[in-house]
Amino acid sequence: MPVNSVSMMGPTTIQQPVKPTLHTQPYEAQQNFAATLKDAIANVNAQQITSDAMTNRLINGGNVELHDVMIASQKASVTLNATIEVRNKVIEAYQEIMRMSV
């Protein structure tokens, strides 16, 4: 069984950086943001589905190691918690902008 290196600083998936352009139209920026947000939420959902599937295989006596199930579960938990924290920060920023007087 090969041993893969573990890095605490590396992301779970590598996102392609969005190339900024000087003349981005608001519609294009909105579409890029929407696509990025959709991909991030899909990644969180995929982590949750993988964790659930591995847990079910372990419960049913499938060929899966306990440590692999625990790692998948922790990855899903961390990505979900990070997503929730980002959502909370976005809501706080929106509320702060709404409180500003013009």
N, C-alpha and C. Protein backbone atom coordinates (compact mmCIF):
# COMPACT_ATOMS: atom_id res chain seq x y z
N MET A 1 0.84 -1.17 0.00
CA MET A 1 0.00 0.00 0.00
C MET A 1 0.89 1.24 0.00
N PRO A 2 0.76 2.12 -1.00
CA PRO A 2 1.59 3.31 -1.06
C PRO A 2 1.17 4.32 0.01
N VAL A 3 2.15 5.04 0.50
CA VAL A 3 1.91 6.06 1.51
C VAL A 3 2.00 7.42 0.83
N ASN A 4 0.91 8.18 0.90
CA ASN A 4 0.89 9.51 0.32
C ASN A 4 1.31 10.52 1.37
N SER A 5 2.01 11.54 0.94
CA SER A 5 2.44 12.57 1.89
C SER A 5 1.23 13.40 2.31
N VAL A 6 1.29 13.87 3.53
CA VAL A 6 0.21 14.67 4.09
C VAL A 6 0.75 16.07 4.34
N SER A 7 0.05 17.05 3.85
CA SER A 7 0.45 18.43 4.05
C SER A 7 -0.68 19.17 4.75
N MET A 8 -0.38 19.78 5.87
CA MET A 8 -1.40 20.50 6.61
C MET A 8 -1.73 21.84 5.95
N MET A 9 -0.86 22.34 5.10
CA MET A 9 -1.06 23.65 4.51
C MET A 9 -1.69 23.59 3.13
N GLY A 10 -1.73 22.43 2.50
CA GLY A 10 -2.23 22.35 1.14
C GLY A 10 -3.74 22.31 1.06
N PRO A 11 -4.33 22.87 0.01
CA PRO A 11 -5.78 22.81 -0.15
C PRO A 11 -6.20 21.41 -0.58
N THR A 12 -7.47 21.08 -0.36
CA THR A 12 -7.96 19.77 -0.74
C THR A 12 -8.09 19.65 -2.26
N THR A 13 -8.41 20.75 -2.91
CA THR A 13 -8.44 20.76 -4.36
C THR A 13 -7.74 22.02 -4.84
N ILE A 14 -7.17 21.93 -6.00
CA ILE A 14 -6.46 23.08 -6.55
C ILE A 14 -7.42 23.82 -7.47
N GLN A 15 -7.67 25.06 -7.13
CA GLN A 15 -8.54 25.90 -7.94
C GLN A 15 -7.69 26.67 -8.94
N GLN A 16 -8.18 26.77 -10.15
CA GLN A 16 -7.49 27.57 -11.14
C GLN A 16 -7.74 29.04 -10.82
N PRO A 17 -6.67 29.85 -10.75
CA PRO A 17 -6.88 31.26 -10.42
C PRO A 17 -7.63 31.98 -11.54
N VAL A 18 -8.48 32.89 -11.13
CA VAL A 18 -9.22 33.68 -12.09
C VAL A 18 -8.29 34.78 -12.57
N LYS A 19 -8.13 34.88 -13.88
CA LYS A 19 -7.24 35.88 -14.45
C LYS A 19 -7.96 37.22 -14.48
N PRO A 20 -7.47 38.18 -13.71
CA PRO A 20 -8.15 39.48 -13.71
C PRO A 20 -7.89 40.21 -15.02
N THR A 21 -8.90 40.85 -15.49
CA THR A 21 -8.76 41.68 -16.68
C THR A 21 -9.10 43.11 -16.29
N LEU A 22 -8.56 44.03 -17.03
CA LEU A 22 -8.76 45.44 -16.71
C LEU A 22 -10.15 45.92 -17.10
N HIS A 23 -10.76 45.28 -18.07
CA HIS A 23 -12.04 45.76 -18.58
C HIS A 23 -13.13 44.71 -18.40
N THR A 24 -13.29 44.22 -17.18
CA THR A 24 -14.33 43.24 -16.90
C THR A 24 -15.65 43.96 -16.73
N GLN A 25 -16.64 43.49 -17.44
CA GLN A 25 -17.97 44.05 -17.32
C GLN A 25 -18.63 43.53 -16.05
N PRO A 26 -19.54 44.29 -15.45
CA PRO A 26 -20.20 43.83 -14.23
C PRO A 26 -20.91 42.48 -14.40
N TYR A 27 -21.52 42.28 -15.56
CA TYR A 27 -22.20 41.01 -15.80
C TYR A 27 -21.21 39.84 -15.79
N GLU A 28 -20.05 40.05 -16.43
CA GLU A 28 -19.03 39.00 -16.45
C GLU A 28 -18.49 38.72 -15.06
N ALA A 29 -18.28 39.78 -14.28
CA ALA A 29 -17.80 39.60 -12.91
C ALA A 29 -18.82 38.84 -12.08
N GLN A 30 -20.09 39.15 -12.26
CA GLN A 30 -21.15 38.45 -11.54
C GLN A 30 -21.18 36.98 -11.93
N GLN A 31 -21.03 36.70 -13.21
CA GLN A 31 -21.04 35.31 -13.67
C GLN A 31 -19.83 34.55 -13.14
N ASN A 32 -18.66 35.19 -13.12
CA ASN A 32 -17.46 34.54 -12.58
C ASN A 32 -17.61 34.25 -11.10
N PHE A 33 -18.16 35.21 -10.36
CA PHE A 33 -18.37 35.01 -8.93
C PHE A 33 -19.37 33.90 -8.68
N ALA A 34 -20.45 33.89 -9.45
CA ALA A 34 -21.48 32.86 -9.30
C ALA A 34 -20.90 31.48 -9.60
N ALA A 35 -20.10 31.38 -10.64
CA ALA A 35 -19.50 30.09 -11.00
C ALA A 35 -18.52 29.62 -9.92
N THR A 36 -17.73 30.53 -9.39
CA THR A 36 -16.79 30.19 -8.33
C THR A 36 -17.52 29.73 -7.08
N LEU A 37 -18.57 30.44 -6.72
CA LEU A 37 -19.36 30.07 -5.54
C LEU A 37 -20.04 28.72 -5.73
N LYS A 38 -20.57 28.48 -6.91
CA LYS A 38 -21.22 27.21 -7.21
C LYS A 38 -20.22 26.06 -7.13
N ASP A 39 -19.02 26.25 -7.65
CA ASP A 39 -17.98 25.22 -7.59
C ASP A 39 -17.57 24.93 -6.15
N ALA A 40 -17.46 25.98 -5.34
CA ALA A 40 -17.07 25.79 -3.94
C ALA A 40 -18.13 25.01 -3.18
N ILE A 41 -19.39 25.33 -3.39
CA ILE A 41 -20.47 24.61 -2.71
C ILE A 41 -20.56 23.19 -3.22
N ALA A 42 -20.33 22.98 -4.50
CA ALA A 42 -20.32 21.62 -5.04
C ALA A 42 -19.19 20.79 -4.43
N ASN A 43 -18.05 21.42 -4.17
CA ASN A 43 -16.93 20.73 -3.55
C ASN A 43 -17.29 20.32 -2.12
N VAL A 44 -17.94 21.20 -1.37
CA VAL A 44 -18.36 20.87 -0.01
C VAL A 44 -19.36 19.71 -0.06
N ASN A 45 -20.30 19.77 -0.99
CA ASN A 45 -21.29 18.70 -1.12
C ASN A 45 -20.63 17.38 -1.49
N ALA A 46 -19.64 17.42 -2.37
CA ALA A 46 -18.94 16.19 -2.76
C ALA A 46 -18.20 15.58 -1.57
N GLN A 47 -17.61 16.42 -0.74
CA GLN A 47 -16.93 15.93 0.47
C GLN A 47 -17.92 15.25 1.40
N GLN A 48 -19.10 15.84 1.56
CA GLN A 48 -20.13 15.26 2.44
C GLN A 48 -20.63 13.93 1.89
N ILE A 49 -20.85 13.86 0.58
CA ILE A 49 -21.32 12.62 -0.04
C ILE A 49 -20.28 11.52 0.08
N THR A 50 -19.01 11.86 -0.14
CA THR A 50 -17.93 10.88 -0.01
C THR A 50 -17.85 10.35 1.41
N SER A 51 -17.96 11.24 2.38
CA SER A 51 -17.91 10.84 3.78
C SER A 51 -19.07 9.90 4.12
N ASP A 52 -20.27 10.25 3.67
CA ASP A 52 -21.44 9.40 3.93
C ASP A 52 -21.32 8.03 3.27
N ALA A 53 -20.83 8.02 2.04
CA ALA A 53 -20.68 6.75 1.33
C ALA A 53 -19.65 5.85 2.02
N MET A 54 -18.55 6.42 2.45
CA MET A 54 -17.53 5.62 3.13
C MET A 54 -18.03 5.11 4.48
N THR A 55 -18.79 5.94 5.18
CA THR A 55 -19.36 5.52 6.46
C THR A 55 -20.33 4.36 6.25
N ASN A 56 -21.17 4.46 5.24
CA ASN A 56 -22.12 3.38 4.95
C ASN A 56 -21.40 2.08 4.57
N ARG A 57 -20.33 2.20 3.78
CA ARG A 57 -19.56 1.00 3.43
C ARG A 57 -18.94 0.36 4.66
N LEU A 58 -18.45 1.17 5.58
CA LEU A 58 -17.86 0.64 6.81
C LEU A 58 -18.92 -0.05 7.66
N ILE A 59 -20.09 0.56 7.79
CA ILE A 59 -21.17 -0.02 8.58
C ILE A 59 -21.64 -1.34 7.98
N ASN A 60 -21.69 -1.43 6.66
CA ASN A 60 -22.17 -2.63 5.99
C ASN A 60 -21.09 -3.68 5.80
N GLY A 61 -19.91 -3.45 6.36
CA GLY A 61 -18.84 -4.43 6.27
C GLY A 61 -18.08 -4.42 4.96
N GLY A 62 -18.09 -3.32 4.27
CA GLY A 62 -17.37 -3.20 3.01
C GLY A 62 -15.87 -3.14 3.20
N ASN A 63 -15.17 -3.17 2.11
CA ASN A 63 -13.71 -3.16 2.13
C ASN A 63 -13.21 -1.71 2.22
N VAL A 64 -13.26 -1.16 3.44
CA VAL A 64 -12.80 0.20 3.67
C VAL A 64 -12.16 0.25 5.05
N GLU A 65 -11.09 1.00 5.15
CA GLU A 65 -10.36 1.11 6.42
C GLU A 65 -11.00 2.19 7.30
N LEU A 66 -10.97 1.94 8.60
CA LEU A 66 -11.55 2.88 9.55
C LEU A 66 -10.86 4.25 9.47
N HIS A 67 -9.54 4.25 9.34
CA HIS A 67 -8.84 5.54 9.31
C HIS A 67 -9.20 6.34 8.06
N ASP A 68 -9.47 5.66 6.94
CA ASP A 68 -9.89 6.37 5.73
C ASP A 68 -11.26 7.01 5.93
N VAL A 69 -12.14 6.30 6.63
CA VAL A 69 -13.47 6.84 6.92
C VAL A 69 -13.36 8.06 7.82
N MET A 70 -12.51 7.97 8.83
CA MET A 70 -12.35 9.09 9.76
C MET A 70 -11.72 10.29 9.08
N ILE A 71 -10.77 10.07 8.19
CA ILE A 71 -10.15 11.18 7.46
C ILE A 71 -11.17 11.85 6.55
N ALA A 72 -11.97 11.05 5.84
CA ALA A 72 -13.01 11.63 4.97
C ALA A 72 -14.03 12.41 5.79
N SER A 73 -14.38 11.88 6.96
CA SER A 73 -15.33 12.56 7.82
C SER A 73 -14.77 13.90 8.31
N GLN A 74 -13.52 13.93 8.70
CA GLN A 74 -12.90 15.17 9.17
C GLN A 74 -12.75 16.19 8.04
N LYS A 75 -12.41 15.71 6.84
CA LYS A 75 -12.32 16.63 5.69
C LYS A 75 -13.67 17.27 5.43
N ALA A 76 -14.72 16.46 5.47
CA ALA A 76 -16.07 16.99 5.23
C ALA A 76 -16.45 17.99 6.32
N SER A 77 -16.11 17.67 7.55
CA SER A 77 -16.43 18.56 8.65
C SER A 77 -15.68 19.89 8.54
N VAL A 78 -14.41 19.83 8.22
CA VAL A 78 -13.61 21.05 8.11
C VAL A 78 -14.10 21.92 6.95
N THR A 79 -14.39 21.32 5.81
CA THR A 79 -14.86 22.12 4.67
C THR A 79 -16.22 22.74 4.96
N LEU A 80 -17.10 21.99 5.63
CA LEU A 80 -18.41 22.54 5.97
C LEU A 80 -18.27 23.69 6.97
N ASN A 81 -17.44 23.52 7.98
CA ASN A 81 -17.24 24.59 8.97
C ASN A 81 -16.61 25.82 8.33
N ALA A 82 -15.66 25.62 7.42
CA ALA A 82 -15.04 26.76 6.73
C ALA A 82 -16.07 27.49 5.87
N THR A 83 -16.94 26.75 5.21
CA THR A 83 -17.98 27.36 4.39
C THR A 83 -18.95 28.16 5.25
N ILE A 84 -19.31 27.62 6.40
CA ILE A 84 -20.21 28.34 7.30
C ILE A 84 -19.57 29.63 7.81
N GLU A 85 -18.28 29.58 8.13
CA GLU A 85 -17.59 30.78 8.60
C GLU A 85 -17.49 31.83 7.50
N VAL A 86 -17.24 31.41 6.27
CA VAL A 86 -17.19 32.36 5.15
C VAL A 86 -18.57 33.00 4.97
N ARG A 87 -19.61 32.19 5.04
CA ARG A 87 -20.98 32.71 4.93
C ARG A 87 -21.25 33.74 6.02
N ASN A 88 -20.85 33.43 7.25
CA ASN A 88 -21.06 34.36 8.36
C ASN A 88 -20.34 35.69 8.13
N LYS A 89 -19.11 35.62 7.63
CA LYS A 89 -18.35 36.85 7.35
C LYS A 89 -19.00 37.66 6.23
N VAL A 90 -19.52 36.99 5.22
CA VAL A 90 -20.18 37.70 4.12
C VAL A 90 -21.44 38.39 4.64
N ILE A 91 -22.20 37.72 5.49
CA ILE A 91 -23.40 38.32 6.06
C ILE A 91 -23.04 39.52 6.93
N GLU A 92 -21.99 39.39 7.74
CA GLU A 92 -21.55 40.51 8.57
C GLU A 92 -21.13 41.70 7.71
N ALA A 93 -20.41 41.44 6.63
CA ALA A 93 -19.97 42.52 5.74
C ALA A 93 -21.18 43.19 5.09
N TYR A 94 -22.15 42.41 4.66
CA TYR A 94 -23.37 42.97 4.06
C TYR A 94 -24.11 43.84 5.06
N GLN A 95 -24.24 43.34 6.29
CA GLN A 95 -24.94 44.12 7.32
C GLN A 95 -24.20 45.42 7.63
N GLU A 96 -22.88 45.36 7.64
CA GLU A 96 -22.09 46.56 7.89
C GLU A 96 -22.28 47.58 6.76
N ILE A 97 -22.31 47.12 5.53
CA ILE A 97 -22.53 48.02 4.40
C ILE A 97 -23.92 48.64 4.48
N MET A 98 -24.91 47.84 4.86
CA MET A 98 -26.28 48.35 4.96
C MET A 98 -26.42 49.40 6.07
N ARG A 99 -25.59 49.33 7.10
CA ARG A 99 -25.65 50.30 8.20
C ARG A 99 -24.95 51.61 7.86
N MET A 100 -24.16 51.62 6.79
CA MET A 100 -23.45 52.85 6.42
C MET A 100 -24.44 53.91 5.94
N SER A 101 -24.19 55.14 6.37
CA SER A 101 -25.04 56.23 5.88
C SER A 101 -24.39 56.85 4.64
N VAL A 102 -25.23 57.21 3.73
CA VAL A 102 -24.73 57.76 2.46
C VAL A 102 -24.87 59.26 2.45
